[in-house]
């Protein structure tokens, strides 16, 4: 009579033999010499070295991985379609002393984006006119009366944030009136309204890969 030998279960990582979801924690097998070398060179514990190796973190990237900064995490902005056109138009407006208006959506994304642009332009000595539409009266996104009002106030450039990608009729009216509009948005669209520039990772033709 033969007796089947059972292979002993691998040692549970960090002693977690059964997690809340019923899974046994296991670490990928690593070269212990490599683990020891990484721990020594990076000044970290062997346990952390195993985790980093299991996640494929290269030795040169460990410092940034463990202490990430926003500056190093941000992608190159000019991979976004029309970013160069948008920057050039804003630069021209600043240099010419042209009045700039920022049209923000009324939600958190829109208001914080509008605040950031206000602080940016203000730091350059040219605080923009902020316009946040009344949701109950004006609805979502740019509208023709509001855009015409900004033009009458002297704005030559309007930058929309978190809105505008699908505002075909209002932006057609603004375009026909000679108002330059730069759209900064993330909502998916198939047909673009007329505007000076569209910065949107979810627009047709954008290959930045930043559409998350």
N, C-alpha and C. Protein backbone atom coordinates (compact mmCIF):
# COMPACT_ATOMS: atom_id res chain seq x y z
N UNK A 1 0.85 -1.19 0.00
CA UNK A 1 0.00 0.00 0.00
C UNK A 1 0.89 1.25 0.00
N UNK A 2 0.71 2.09 -1.02
CA UNK A 2 1.54 3.28 -1.11
C UNK A 2 0.88 4.44 -0.37
N UNK A 3 1.70 5.25 0.19
CA UNK A 3 1.21 6.42 0.93
C UNK A 3 1.66 7.68 0.19
N UNK A 4 0.70 8.48 -0.22
CA UNK A 4 1.04 9.71 -0.94
C UNK A 4 1.64 10.72 0.03
N UNK A 5 2.77 11.25 -0.37
CA UNK A 5 3.43 12.25 0.46
C UNK A 5 2.91 13.64 0.09
N UNK A 6 2.51 14.38 1.09
CA UNK A 6 2.00 15.72 0.86
C UNK A 6 3.15 16.73 0.94
N UNK A 7 3.20 17.60 -0.04
CA UNK A 7 4.21 18.66 -0.01
C UNK A 7 3.82 19.69 1.04
N UNK A 8 4.71 19.96 1.95
CA UNK A 8 4.37 20.93 2.99
C UNK A 8 4.08 22.30 2.39
N UNK A 9 3.10 22.97 2.95
CA UNK A 9 2.74 24.30 2.46
C UNK A 9 3.89 25.26 2.70
N UNK A 10 4.13 26.15 1.76
CA UNK A 10 5.22 27.12 1.95
C UNK A 10 4.93 28.00 3.16
N UNK A 11 6.00 28.47 3.75
CA UNK A 11 5.85 29.31 4.93
C UNK A 11 5.06 30.56 4.58
N UNK A 12 4.12 30.90 5.43
CA UNK A 12 3.29 32.07 5.17
C UNK A 12 4.10 33.35 5.38
N UNK A 13 3.94 34.27 4.46
CA UNK A 13 4.65 35.55 4.57
C UNK A 13 4.13 36.33 5.76
N UNK A 14 5.05 36.81 6.58
CA UNK A 14 4.72 37.60 7.75
C UNK A 14 3.77 36.87 8.70
N UNK A 15 3.74 35.55 8.59
CA UNK A 15 2.92 34.75 9.48
C UNK A 15 1.44 34.76 9.16
N UNK A 16 1.06 35.28 8.00
CA UNK A 16 -0.36 35.35 7.63
C UNK A 16 -0.73 34.08 6.86
N UNK A 17 -1.18 33.07 7.60
CA UNK A 17 -1.56 31.81 6.98
C UNK A 17 -2.96 31.89 6.37
N UNK A 18 -3.77 32.80 6.88
CA UNK A 18 -5.11 32.97 6.34
C UNK A 18 -5.53 34.43 6.53
N UNK A 19 -5.67 35.13 5.43
CA UNK A 19 -6.04 36.54 5.50
C UNK A 19 -7.54 36.68 5.70
N UNK A 20 -8.02 37.91 5.74
CA UNK A 20 -9.45 38.16 5.92
C UNK A 20 -10.25 37.54 4.78
N UNK A 21 -9.65 37.49 3.58
CA UNK A 21 -10.34 36.91 2.43
C UNK A 21 -10.04 35.43 2.26
N UNK A 22 -9.36 34.84 3.24
CA UNK A 22 -9.09 33.41 3.20
C UNK A 22 -7.87 33.01 2.41
N UNK A 23 -7.03 33.95 2.07
CA UNK A 23 -5.84 33.65 1.27
C UNK A 23 -4.60 33.55 2.15
N UNK A 24 -3.69 32.70 1.70
CA UNK A 24 -2.41 32.55 2.39
C UNK A 24 -1.40 33.48 1.73
N UNK A 25 -0.75 34.29 2.54
CA UNK A 25 0.23 35.22 1.99
C UNK A 25 1.53 34.48 1.68
N UNK A 26 2.01 34.66 0.44
CA UNK A 26 3.28 34.06 0.06
C UNK A 26 4.11 35.07 -0.73
N UNK A 27 5.38 35.08 -0.49
CA UNK A 27 6.29 35.94 -1.23
C UNK A 27 6.93 35.15 -2.36
N UNK A 28 7.19 35.81 -3.47
CA UNK A 28 7.93 35.16 -4.54
C UNK A 28 9.32 34.79 -4.04
N UNK A 29 9.79 33.65 -4.48
CA UNK A 29 11.12 33.22 -4.07
C UNK A 29 12.17 34.17 -4.65
N UNK A 30 13.09 34.59 -3.81
CA UNK A 30 14.13 35.51 -4.23
C UNK A 30 15.50 34.94 -3.91
N UNK A 31 16.46 35.38 -4.66
CA UNK A 31 17.86 35.02 -4.39
C UNK A 31 18.26 35.70 -3.09
N UNK A 32 18.52 34.90 -2.06
CA UNK A 32 18.82 35.47 -0.75
C UNK A 32 20.09 36.31 -0.76
N UNK A 33 21.04 35.96 -1.60
CA UNK A 33 22.25 36.78 -1.70
C UNK A 33 21.91 38.16 -2.28
N UNK A 34 21.01 38.17 -3.27
CA UNK A 34 20.59 39.44 -3.86
C UNK A 34 19.80 40.26 -2.85
N UNK A 35 18.96 39.58 -2.06
CA UNK A 35 18.19 40.26 -1.02
C UNK A 35 19.12 40.92 -0.02
N UNK A 36 20.11 40.16 0.43
CA UNK A 36 21.05 40.69 1.42
C UNK A 36 21.83 41.87 0.86
N UNK A 37 22.23 41.77 -0.41
CA UNK A 37 22.99 42.85 -1.03
C UNK A 37 22.14 44.11 -1.16
N UNK A 38 20.87 43.94 -1.56
CA UNK A 38 19.99 45.09 -1.71
C UNK A 38 19.71 45.74 -0.36
N UNK A 39 19.48 44.91 0.65
CA UNK A 39 19.22 45.44 1.99
C UNK A 39 20.42 46.24 2.49
N UNK A 40 21.61 45.72 2.23
CA UNK A 40 22.83 46.39 2.68
C UNK A 40 23.05 47.70 1.92
N UNK A 41 22.94 47.65 0.61
CA UNK A 41 23.24 48.82 -0.21
C UNK A 41 22.21 49.94 -0.03
N UNK A 42 20.94 49.55 0.17
CA UNK A 42 19.88 50.56 0.29
C UNK A 42 19.62 50.95 1.74
N UNK A 43 20.24 50.24 2.68
CA UNK A 43 20.03 50.55 4.09
C UNK A 43 18.62 50.24 4.56
N UNK A 44 18.06 49.13 4.07
CA UNK A 44 16.70 48.74 4.44
C UNK A 44 16.73 47.32 5.01
N UNK A 45 15.62 46.90 5.58
CA UNK A 45 15.55 45.57 6.17
C UNK A 45 15.45 44.51 5.08
N UNK A 46 15.86 43.27 5.37
CA UNK A 46 15.73 42.20 4.38
C UNK A 46 14.28 41.97 3.96
N UNK A 47 13.35 42.12 4.91
CA UNK A 47 11.93 41.93 4.57
C UNK A 47 11.47 42.94 3.53
N UNK A 48 11.85 44.20 3.72
CA UNK A 48 11.47 45.23 2.75
C UNK A 48 12.18 45.00 1.43
N UNK A 49 13.42 44.55 1.48
CA UNK A 49 14.16 44.26 0.25
C UNK A 49 13.46 43.18 -0.56
N UNK A 50 12.94 42.15 0.12
CA UNK A 50 12.22 41.07 -0.58
C UNK A 50 10.97 41.63 -1.26
N UNK A 51 10.24 42.48 -0.54
CA UNK A 51 9.02 43.06 -1.11
C UNK A 51 9.33 43.89 -2.35
N UNK A 52 10.36 44.71 -2.25
CA UNK A 52 10.71 45.56 -3.38
C UNK A 52 11.17 44.74 -4.58
N UNK A 53 11.93 43.69 -4.33
CA UNK A 53 12.37 42.83 -5.42
C UNK A 53 11.18 42.11 -6.05
N UNK A 54 10.24 41.69 -5.21
CA UNK A 54 9.05 41.00 -5.72
C UNK A 54 8.21 41.92 -6.59
N UNK A 55 8.25 43.20 -6.30
CA UNK A 55 7.48 44.17 -7.08
C UNK A 55 8.27 44.73 -8.26
N UNK A 56 9.48 44.26 -8.43
CA UNK A 56 10.27 44.67 -9.57
C UNK A 56 10.83 46.07 -9.48
N UNK A 57 11.00 46.58 -8.27
CA UNK A 57 11.55 47.93 -8.09
C UNK A 57 13.07 47.86 -8.21
N UNK A 58 13.62 48.59 -9.15
CA UNK A 58 15.07 48.60 -9.34
C UNK A 58 15.74 49.35 -8.20
N UNK A 59 16.99 48.99 -7.95
CA UNK A 59 17.72 49.59 -6.84
C UNK A 59 17.80 51.11 -6.97
N UNK A 60 17.98 51.61 -8.19
CA UNK A 60 18.11 53.06 -8.38
C UNK A 60 16.80 53.80 -8.16
N UNK A 61 15.67 53.06 -8.13
CA UNK A 61 14.36 53.69 -7.97
C UNK A 61 13.81 53.58 -6.56
N UNK A 62 14.54 52.92 -5.67
CA UNK A 62 14.01 52.65 -4.33
C UNK A 62 13.69 53.93 -3.57
N UNK A 63 14.60 54.89 -3.58
CA UNK A 63 14.38 56.12 -2.81
C UNK A 63 13.10 56.83 -3.25
N UNK A 64 12.89 56.95 -4.56
CA UNK A 64 11.69 57.61 -5.06
C UNK A 64 10.45 56.76 -4.81
N UNK A 65 10.60 55.44 -4.82
CA UNK A 65 9.46 54.55 -4.59
C UNK A 65 8.98 54.65 -3.14
N UNK A 66 9.92 54.73 -2.21
CA UNK A 66 9.57 54.77 -0.79
C UNK A 66 9.17 56.17 -0.34
N UNK A 67 9.66 57.20 -1.00
CA UNK A 67 9.33 58.58 -0.63
C UNK A 67 8.98 59.35 -1.90
N UNK A 68 7.83 59.03 -2.51
CA UNK A 68 7.48 59.67 -3.78
C UNK A 68 7.14 61.15 -3.60
N UNK A 69 7.41 61.92 -4.62
CA UNK A 69 7.06 63.34 -4.62
C UNK A 69 6.20 63.62 -5.84
N UNK A 70 5.33 64.62 -5.71
CA UNK A 70 4.45 64.98 -6.82
C UNK A 70 5.25 65.42 -8.04
N UNK A 71 6.33 66.16 -7.81
CA UNK A 71 7.13 66.66 -8.92
C UNK A 71 7.65 65.52 -9.80
N UNK A 72 8.12 64.45 -9.17
CA UNK A 72 8.69 63.35 -9.93
C UNK A 72 7.62 62.39 -10.46
N UNK A 73 6.40 62.48 -9.90
CA UNK A 73 5.33 61.58 -10.33
C UNK A 73 4.54 62.14 -11.50
N UNK A 74 4.62 63.45 -11.71
CA UNK A 74 3.85 64.05 -12.79
C UNK A 74 4.43 63.66 -14.15
N UNK A 75 3.56 63.37 -15.12
CA UNK A 75 4.05 63.04 -16.47
C UNK A 75 4.49 64.31 -17.21
N UNK A 76 5.17 64.13 -18.30
CA UNK A 76 5.55 65.25 -19.17
C UNK A 76 4.27 65.85 -19.77
N UNK A 77 3.93 67.10 -19.44
CA UNK A 77 2.64 67.65 -19.89
C UNK A 77 2.52 67.82 -21.39
N UNK A 78 3.63 67.99 -22.09
CA UNK A 78 3.54 68.27 -23.52
C UNK A 78 3.28 67.04 -24.37
N UNK A 79 3.09 65.88 -23.74
CA UNK A 79 2.65 64.72 -24.51
C UNK A 79 1.14 64.79 -24.76
N UNK A 80 0.45 65.68 -24.05
CA UNK A 80 -0.98 65.88 -24.28
C UNK A 80 -1.19 66.70 -25.56
N UNK A 81 -2.13 66.27 -26.35
CA UNK A 81 -2.43 66.98 -27.59
C UNK A 81 -2.83 68.43 -27.30
N UNK A 82 -2.32 69.35 -28.07
CA UNK A 82 -2.63 70.78 -28.00
C UNK A 82 -2.07 71.49 -26.77
N UNK A 83 -1.29 70.81 -25.95
CA UNK A 83 -0.71 71.49 -24.79
C UNK A 83 0.21 72.62 -25.25
N UNK A 84 0.98 72.38 -26.30
CA UNK A 84 1.89 73.41 -26.78
C UNK A 84 1.13 74.64 -27.27
N UNK A 85 0.02 74.43 -27.98
CA UNK A 85 -0.79 75.54 -28.45
C UNK A 85 -1.39 76.32 -27.29
N UNK A 86 -1.84 75.61 -26.27
CA UNK A 86 -2.46 76.25 -25.11
C UNK A 86 -1.46 77.12 -24.36
N UNK A 87 -0.27 76.58 -24.14
CA UNK A 87 0.76 77.32 -23.43
C UNK A 87 1.17 78.56 -24.22
N UNK A 88 1.33 78.39 -25.52
CA UNK A 88 1.73 79.53 -26.37
C UNK A 88 0.67 80.63 -26.34
N UNK A 89 -0.60 80.23 -26.36
CA UNK A 89 -1.69 81.23 -26.34
C UNK A 89 -1.74 81.96 -25.00
N UNK A 90 -1.59 81.23 -23.90
CA UNK A 90 -1.60 81.86 -22.58
C UNK A 90 -0.39 82.78 -22.43
N UNK A 91 0.75 82.35 -22.93
CA UNK A 91 1.97 83.17 -22.86
C UNK A 91 1.78 84.48 -23.62
N UNK A 92 1.17 84.38 -24.79
CA UNK A 92 0.94 85.57 -25.60
C UNK A 92 -0.01 86.53 -24.89
N UNK A 93 -1.03 85.97 -24.23
CA UNK A 93 -1.99 86.81 -23.50
C UNK A 93 -1.32 87.55 -22.36
N UNK A 94 -0.44 86.85 -21.65
CA UNK A 94 0.27 87.48 -20.53
C UNK A 94 1.18 88.59 -21.02
N UNK A 95 1.92 88.30 -22.07
CA UNK A 95 2.87 89.28 -22.59
C UNK A 95 2.17 90.52 -23.15
N UNK A 96 0.96 90.32 -23.68
CA UNK A 96 0.22 91.45 -24.26
C UNK A 96 -0.67 92.15 -23.24
N UNK A 97 -0.72 91.63 -22.01
CA UNK A 97 -1.59 92.21 -21.01
C UNK A 97 -3.06 91.98 -21.31
N UNK A 98 -3.35 90.93 -22.06
CA UNK A 98 -4.72 90.61 -22.46
C UNK A 98 -5.49 90.03 -21.27
N UNK A 99 -6.74 90.39 -21.15
CA UNK A 99 -7.55 89.89 -20.05
C UNK A 99 -7.87 88.41 -20.27
N UNK A 100 -7.64 87.62 -19.23
CA UNK A 100 -7.88 86.18 -19.27
C UNK A 100 -9.02 85.84 -18.32
N UNK A 101 -9.89 84.95 -18.75
CA UNK A 101 -10.97 84.47 -17.88
C UNK A 101 -10.86 82.95 -17.75
N UNK A 102 -11.17 82.44 -16.58
CA UNK A 102 -11.17 81.00 -16.33
C UNK A 102 -12.59 80.58 -16.00
N UNK A 103 -13.12 79.67 -16.80
CA UNK A 103 -14.49 79.17 -16.60
C UNK A 103 -14.38 77.78 -15.97
N UNK A 104 -14.78 77.67 -14.71
CA UNK A 104 -14.67 76.40 -14.01
C UNK A 104 -16.01 75.74 -13.79
N UNK A 105 -16.01 74.43 -13.78
CA UNK A 105 -17.22 73.70 -13.41
C UNK A 105 -17.48 73.95 -11.92
N UNK A 106 -18.72 73.69 -11.50
CA UNK A 106 -19.09 74.00 -10.12
C UNK A 106 -18.79 72.87 -9.14
N UNK A 107 -18.25 71.74 -9.61
CA UNK A 107 -17.93 70.66 -8.67
C UNK A 107 -16.51 70.84 -8.14
N UNK A 108 -16.06 69.86 -7.35
CA UNK A 108 -14.74 69.98 -6.72
C UNK A 108 -13.63 70.04 -7.76
N UNK A 109 -13.71 69.19 -8.79
CA UNK A 109 -12.69 69.21 -9.84
C UNK A 109 -12.58 70.59 -10.48
N UNK A 110 -13.73 71.15 -10.81
CA UNK A 110 -13.74 72.42 -11.51
C UNK A 110 -13.29 73.59 -10.66
N UNK A 111 -13.79 73.65 -9.43
CA UNK A 111 -13.44 74.80 -8.58
C UNK A 111 -11.98 74.77 -8.15
N UNK A 112 -11.46 73.58 -7.85
CA UNK A 112 -10.05 73.51 -7.46
C UNK A 112 -9.14 73.80 -8.65
N UNK A 113 -9.53 73.34 -9.82
CA UNK A 113 -8.74 73.63 -11.02
C UNK A 113 -8.75 75.13 -11.32
N UNK A 114 -9.92 75.75 -11.17
CA UNK A 114 -10.01 77.19 -11.39
C UNK A 114 -9.15 77.95 -10.38
N UNK A 115 -9.16 77.49 -9.13
CA UNK A 115 -8.35 78.14 -8.10
C UNK A 115 -6.86 78.02 -8.42
N UNK A 116 -6.44 76.85 -8.90
CA UNK A 116 -5.03 76.66 -9.25
C UNK A 116 -4.60 77.60 -10.38
N UNK A 117 -5.44 77.70 -11.40
CA UNK A 117 -5.10 78.59 -12.51
C UNK A 117 -5.09 80.05 -12.06
N UNK A 118 -6.02 80.40 -11.18
CA UNK A 118 -6.05 81.77 -10.66
C UNK A 118 -4.74 82.08 -9.94
N UNK A 119 -4.30 81.17 -9.09
CA UNK A 119 -3.06 81.39 -8.34
C UNK A 119 -1.85 81.45 -9.28
N UNK A 120 -1.87 80.62 -10.31
CA UNK A 120 -0.76 80.62 -11.26
C UNK A 120 -0.65 81.96 -12.00
N UNK A 121 -1.76 82.38 -12.58
CA UNK A 121 -1.72 83.64 -13.34
C UNK A 121 -1.49 84.84 -12.42
N UNK A 122 -2.05 84.78 -11.20
CA UNK A 122 -1.84 85.87 -10.25
C UNK A 122 -0.36 85.98 -9.89
N UNK A 123 0.32 84.84 -9.77
CA UNK A 123 1.75 84.85 -9.45
C UNK A 123 2.56 85.49 -10.57
N UNK A 124 2.00 85.49 -11.78
CA UNK A 124 2.67 86.12 -12.92
C UNK A 124 2.23 87.57 -13.10
N UNK A 125 1.45 88.05 -12.14
CA UNK A 125 1.01 89.45 -12.18
C UNK A 125 -0.23 89.71 -12.98
N UNK A 126 -0.96 88.65 -13.36
CA UNK A 126 -2.15 88.85 -14.17
C UNK A 126 -3.28 87.93 -13.69
N UNK A 127 -3.89 88.24 -12.54
CA UNK A 127 -4.98 87.39 -12.03
C UNK A 127 -6.15 87.36 -13.01
N UNK A 128 -6.68 86.19 -13.31
CA UNK A 128 -7.77 86.09 -14.29
C UNK A 128 -9.13 86.36 -13.67
N UNK A 129 -10.09 86.59 -14.50
CA UNK A 129 -11.49 86.69 -14.09
C UNK A 129 -12.01 85.27 -13.94
N UNK A 130 -12.52 84.94 -12.75
CA UNK A 130 -13.08 83.60 -12.52
C UNK A 130 -14.58 83.61 -12.79
N UNK A 131 -15.04 82.55 -13.44
CA UNK A 131 -16.47 82.43 -13.70
C UNK A 131 -16.89 81.00 -13.38
N UNK A 132 -17.72 80.85 -12.35
CA UNK A 132 -18.30 79.56 -11.99
C UNK A 132 -19.80 79.69 -12.21
N UNK A 133 -20.38 78.96 -13.15
CA UNK A 133 -21.81 79.12 -13.45
C UNK A 133 -22.70 78.64 -12.32
N UNK A 134 -23.87 79.25 -12.23
CA UNK A 134 -24.89 78.82 -11.27
C UNK A 134 -25.52 77.54 -11.81
N UNK A 135 -25.36 76.47 -11.07
CA UNK A 135 -25.83 75.17 -11.57
C UNK A 135 -27.33 75.16 -11.83
N UNK A 136 -28.10 75.76 -10.94
CA UNK A 136 -29.56 75.69 -11.06
C UNK A 136 -30.07 76.59 -12.18
N UNK A 137 -29.36 77.67 -12.46
CA UNK A 137 -29.82 78.61 -13.48
C UNK A 137 -29.15 78.37 -14.83
N UNK A 138 -27.84 78.19 -14.83
CA UNK A 138 -27.09 78.09 -16.08
C UNK A 138 -26.80 76.66 -16.52
N UNK A 139 -26.90 75.71 -15.59
CA UNK A 139 -26.62 74.33 -15.94
C UNK A 139 -25.14 74.04 -16.00
N UNK A 140 -24.80 72.92 -16.63
CA UNK A 140 -23.41 72.45 -16.68
C UNK A 140 -22.68 73.02 -17.88
N UNK A 141 -21.43 73.37 -17.67
CA UNK A 141 -20.54 73.74 -18.76
C UNK A 141 -20.72 75.15 -19.28
N UNK A 142 -19.92 75.52 -20.26
CA UNK A 142 -20.01 76.86 -20.83
C UNK A 142 -21.37 77.11 -21.48
N UNK A 143 -21.85 78.34 -21.39
CA UNK A 143 -23.07 78.72 -22.08
C UNK A 143 -22.82 80.04 -22.80
N UNK A 144 -23.54 80.26 -23.88
CA UNK A 144 -23.29 81.42 -24.73
C UNK A 144 -23.45 82.76 -24.00
N UNK A 145 -24.52 82.96 -23.21
CA UNK A 145 -24.65 84.25 -22.52
C UNK A 145 -23.47 84.54 -21.59
N UNK A 146 -23.00 83.53 -20.88
CA UNK A 146 -21.87 83.72 -19.98
C UNK A 146 -20.59 84.04 -20.73
N UNK A 147 -20.37 83.37 -21.85
CA UNK A 147 -19.18 83.63 -22.66
C UNK A 147 -19.22 85.03 -23.27
N UNK A 148 -20.41 85.42 -23.73
CA UNK A 148 -20.55 86.77 -24.28
C UNK A 148 -20.31 87.83 -23.21
N UNK A 149 -20.75 87.54 -21.99
CA UNK A 149 -20.53 88.47 -20.88
C UNK A 149 -19.04 88.66 -20.63
N UNK A 150 -18.29 87.57 -20.65
CA UNK A 150 -16.85 87.66 -20.44
C UNK A 150 -16.18 88.46 -21.55
N UNK A 151 -16.65 88.26 -22.77
CA UNK A 151 -16.09 89.01 -23.90
C UNK A 151 -16.40 90.50 -23.75
N UNK A 152 -17.62 90.82 -23.32
CA UNK A 152 -18.00 92.22 -23.12
C UNK A 152 -17.17 92.87 -22.02
N UNK A 153 -16.74 92.06 -21.05
CA UNK A 153 -15.90 92.57 -19.97
C UNK A 153 -14.46 92.77 -20.42
N UNK A 154 -14.15 92.34 -21.63
CA UNK A 154 -12.82 92.56 -22.16
C UNK A 154 -11.94 91.33 -22.27
N UNK A 155 -12.46 90.16 -21.91
CA UNK A 155 -11.65 88.94 -22.00
C UNK A 155 -11.38 88.59 -23.45
N UNK A 156 -10.11 88.31 -23.74
CA UNK A 156 -9.75 87.87 -25.09
C UNK A 156 -9.46 86.38 -25.14
N UNK A 157 -9.26 85.80 -23.95
CA UNK A 157 -8.98 84.37 -23.83
C UNK A 157 -9.77 83.80 -22.67
N UNK A 158 -10.50 82.73 -22.92
CA UNK A 158 -11.22 82.01 -21.88
C UNK A 158 -10.66 80.60 -21.80
N UNK A 159 -10.33 80.17 -20.60
CA UNK A 159 -9.83 78.81 -20.37
C UNK A 159 -10.88 78.07 -19.56
N UNK A 160 -11.41 76.99 -20.10
CA UNK A 160 -12.38 76.20 -19.35
C UNK A 160 -11.66 75.05 -18.65
N UNK A 161 -12.09 74.76 -17.43
CA UNK A 161 -11.48 73.66 -16.68
C UNK A 161 -12.57 72.70 -16.21
N UNK A 162 -12.36 71.41 -16.49
CA UNK A 162 -13.29 70.35 -16.12
C UNK A 162 -14.64 70.48 -16.84
N UNK A 163 -14.66 71.15 -17.94
CA UNK A 163 -15.89 71.29 -18.72
C UNK A 163 -15.52 71.83 -20.10
N UNK A 164 -16.49 71.80 -20.99
CA UNK A 164 -16.29 72.38 -22.31
C UNK A 164 -16.06 71.41 -23.44
N UNK A 165 -15.69 70.18 -23.10
CA UNK A 165 -15.34 69.22 -24.16
C UNK A 165 -16.49 68.94 -25.12
N UNK A 166 -17.72 68.99 -24.60
CA UNK A 166 -18.87 68.69 -25.45
C UNK A 166 -19.78 69.87 -25.70
N UNK A 167 -19.34 71.07 -25.35
CA UNK A 167 -20.19 72.26 -25.47
C UNK A 167 -20.13 72.82 -26.88
N UNK A 168 -20.71 72.11 -27.82
CA UNK A 168 -20.58 72.49 -29.23
C UNK A 168 -21.28 73.81 -29.55
N UNK A 169 -22.55 73.96 -29.17
CA UNK A 169 -23.28 75.18 -29.54
C UNK A 169 -22.71 76.43 -28.87
N UNK A 170 -22.48 76.43 -27.54
CA UNK A 170 -21.93 77.64 -26.92
C UNK A 170 -20.55 78.02 -27.46
N UNK A 171 -19.70 77.03 -27.70
CA UNK A 171 -18.36 77.34 -28.17
C UNK A 171 -18.35 77.72 -29.65
N UNK A 172 -19.33 77.24 -30.39
CA UNK A 172 -19.48 77.70 -31.77
C UNK A 172 -19.84 79.18 -31.78
N UNK A 173 -20.74 79.56 -30.88
CA UNK A 173 -21.13 80.96 -30.78
C UNK A 173 -19.95 81.83 -30.35
N UNK A 174 -19.16 81.34 -29.39
CA UNK A 174 -17.98 82.09 -28.93
C UNK A 174 -16.96 82.23 -30.05
N UNK A 175 -16.77 81.15 -30.80
CA UNK A 175 -15.83 81.17 -31.92
C UNK A 175 -16.26 82.18 -32.97
N UNK A 176 -17.55 82.19 -33.28
CA UNK A 176 -18.07 83.12 -34.28
C UNK A 176 -17.95 84.57 -33.81
N UNK A 177 -17.95 84.76 -32.48
CA UNK A 177 -17.83 86.11 -31.92
C UNK A 177 -16.37 86.55 -31.79
N UNK A 178 -15.44 85.67 -32.15
CA UNK A 178 -14.02 86.03 -32.11
C UNK A 178 -13.37 85.84 -30.76
N UNK A 179 -13.95 85.01 -29.91
CA UNK A 179 -13.39 84.76 -28.58
C UNK A 179 -12.58 83.47 -28.60
N UNK A 180 -11.32 83.56 -28.21
CA UNK A 180 -10.47 82.37 -28.14
C UNK A 180 -10.78 81.59 -26.87
N UNK A 181 -10.99 80.29 -27.02
CA UNK A 181 -11.27 79.42 -25.88
C UNK A 181 -10.29 78.25 -25.89
N UNK A 182 -9.67 78.01 -24.75
CA UNK A 182 -8.82 76.84 -24.55
C UNK A 182 -9.55 75.91 -23.60
N UNK A 183 -9.75 74.68 -24.01
CA UNK A 183 -10.50 73.71 -23.20
C UNK A 183 -9.53 72.79 -22.47
N UNK A 184 -9.63 72.75 -21.15
CA UNK A 184 -8.89 71.80 -20.33
C UNK A 184 -9.93 70.88 -19.69
N UNK A 185 -10.03 69.67 -20.18
CA UNK A 185 -11.10 68.77 -19.74
C UNK A 185 -10.61 67.33 -19.78
N UNK A 186 -11.43 66.43 -19.25
CA UNK A 186 -11.07 65.01 -19.27
C UNK A 186 -12.25 64.13 -19.68
N UNK A 187 -13.40 64.72 -19.93
CA UNK A 187 -14.57 63.93 -20.30
C UNK A 187 -14.45 63.41 -21.73
N UNK A 188 -14.84 62.16 -21.93
CA UNK A 188 -14.71 61.52 -23.24
C UNK A 188 -15.67 62.16 -24.25
N UNK A 189 -15.15 62.46 -25.42
CA UNK A 189 -15.95 63.05 -26.50
C UNK A 189 -15.54 62.43 -27.83
N UNK A 190 -16.45 62.46 -28.77
CA UNK A 190 -16.17 62.00 -30.12
C UNK A 190 -16.10 63.16 -31.11
N UNK A 191 -16.95 64.18 -30.86
CA UNK A 191 -16.99 65.36 -31.72
C UNK A 191 -16.55 66.56 -30.90
N UNK A 192 -15.58 67.30 -31.40
CA UNK A 192 -15.04 68.44 -30.67
C UNK A 192 -15.69 69.75 -31.11
N UNK A 193 -16.00 70.62 -30.15
CA UNK A 193 -16.50 71.94 -30.50
C UNK A 193 -15.37 72.81 -31.03
N UNK A 194 -15.68 73.87 -31.77
CA UNK A 194 -14.61 74.75 -32.25
C UNK A 194 -13.98 75.49 -31.07
N UNK A 195 -12.69 75.43 -30.97
CA UNK A 195 -11.96 76.11 -29.89
C UNK A 195 -10.53 76.33 -30.36
N UNK A 196 -9.84 77.24 -29.71
CA UNK A 196 -8.44 77.49 -30.07
C UNK A 196 -7.59 76.25 -29.83
N UNK A 197 -7.86 75.57 -28.71
CA UNK A 197 -7.10 74.35 -28.38
C UNK A 197 -7.93 73.47 -27.46
N UNK A 198 -7.70 72.17 -27.58
CA UNK A 198 -8.35 71.18 -26.72
C UNK A 198 -7.26 70.38 -26.02
N UNK A 199 -7.19 70.47 -24.71
CA UNK A 199 -6.28 69.62 -23.94
C UNK A 199 -7.15 68.63 -23.18
N UNK A 200 -7.18 67.40 -23.66
CA UNK A 200 -8.08 66.40 -23.11
C UNK A 200 -7.54 65.02 -23.50
N UNK A 201 -7.11 64.21 -22.52
CA UNK A 201 -6.58 62.89 -22.86
C UNK A 201 -7.62 61.93 -23.42
N UNK A 202 -8.91 62.31 -23.30
CA UNK A 202 -9.98 61.45 -23.80
C UNK A 202 -10.61 61.99 -25.08
N UNK A 203 -9.87 62.79 -25.82
CA UNK A 203 -10.36 63.29 -27.10
C UNK A 203 -9.78 62.47 -28.24
N UNK A 204 -10.43 62.45 -29.38
CA UNK A 204 -9.87 61.74 -30.54
C UNK A 204 -8.51 62.31 -30.92
N UNK A 205 -7.59 61.43 -31.21
CA UNK A 205 -6.27 61.87 -31.66
C UNK A 205 -5.25 62.08 -30.57
N UNK A 206 -5.66 61.99 -29.31
CA UNK A 206 -4.68 62.15 -28.23
C UNK A 206 -4.01 60.80 -27.98
N UNK A 207 -2.70 60.78 -27.98
CA UNK A 207 -1.95 59.53 -27.81
C UNK A 207 -1.11 59.54 -26.53
N UNK A 208 -1.48 60.41 -25.58
CA UNK A 208 -0.68 60.54 -24.36
C UNK A 208 -0.78 59.32 -23.46
N UNK A 209 -1.89 58.58 -23.54
CA UNK A 209 -2.09 57.45 -22.65
C UNK A 209 -2.45 57.86 -21.23
N UNK A 210 -2.82 59.12 -21.03
CA UNK A 210 -3.15 59.61 -19.69
C UNK A 210 -4.65 59.66 -19.44
N UNK A 211 -5.38 58.78 -20.10
CA UNK A 211 -6.84 58.83 -20.01
C UNK A 211 -7.41 58.03 -18.85
N UNK A 212 -6.73 58.03 -17.71
CA UNK A 212 -7.24 57.36 -16.53
C UNK A 212 -7.68 58.40 -15.51
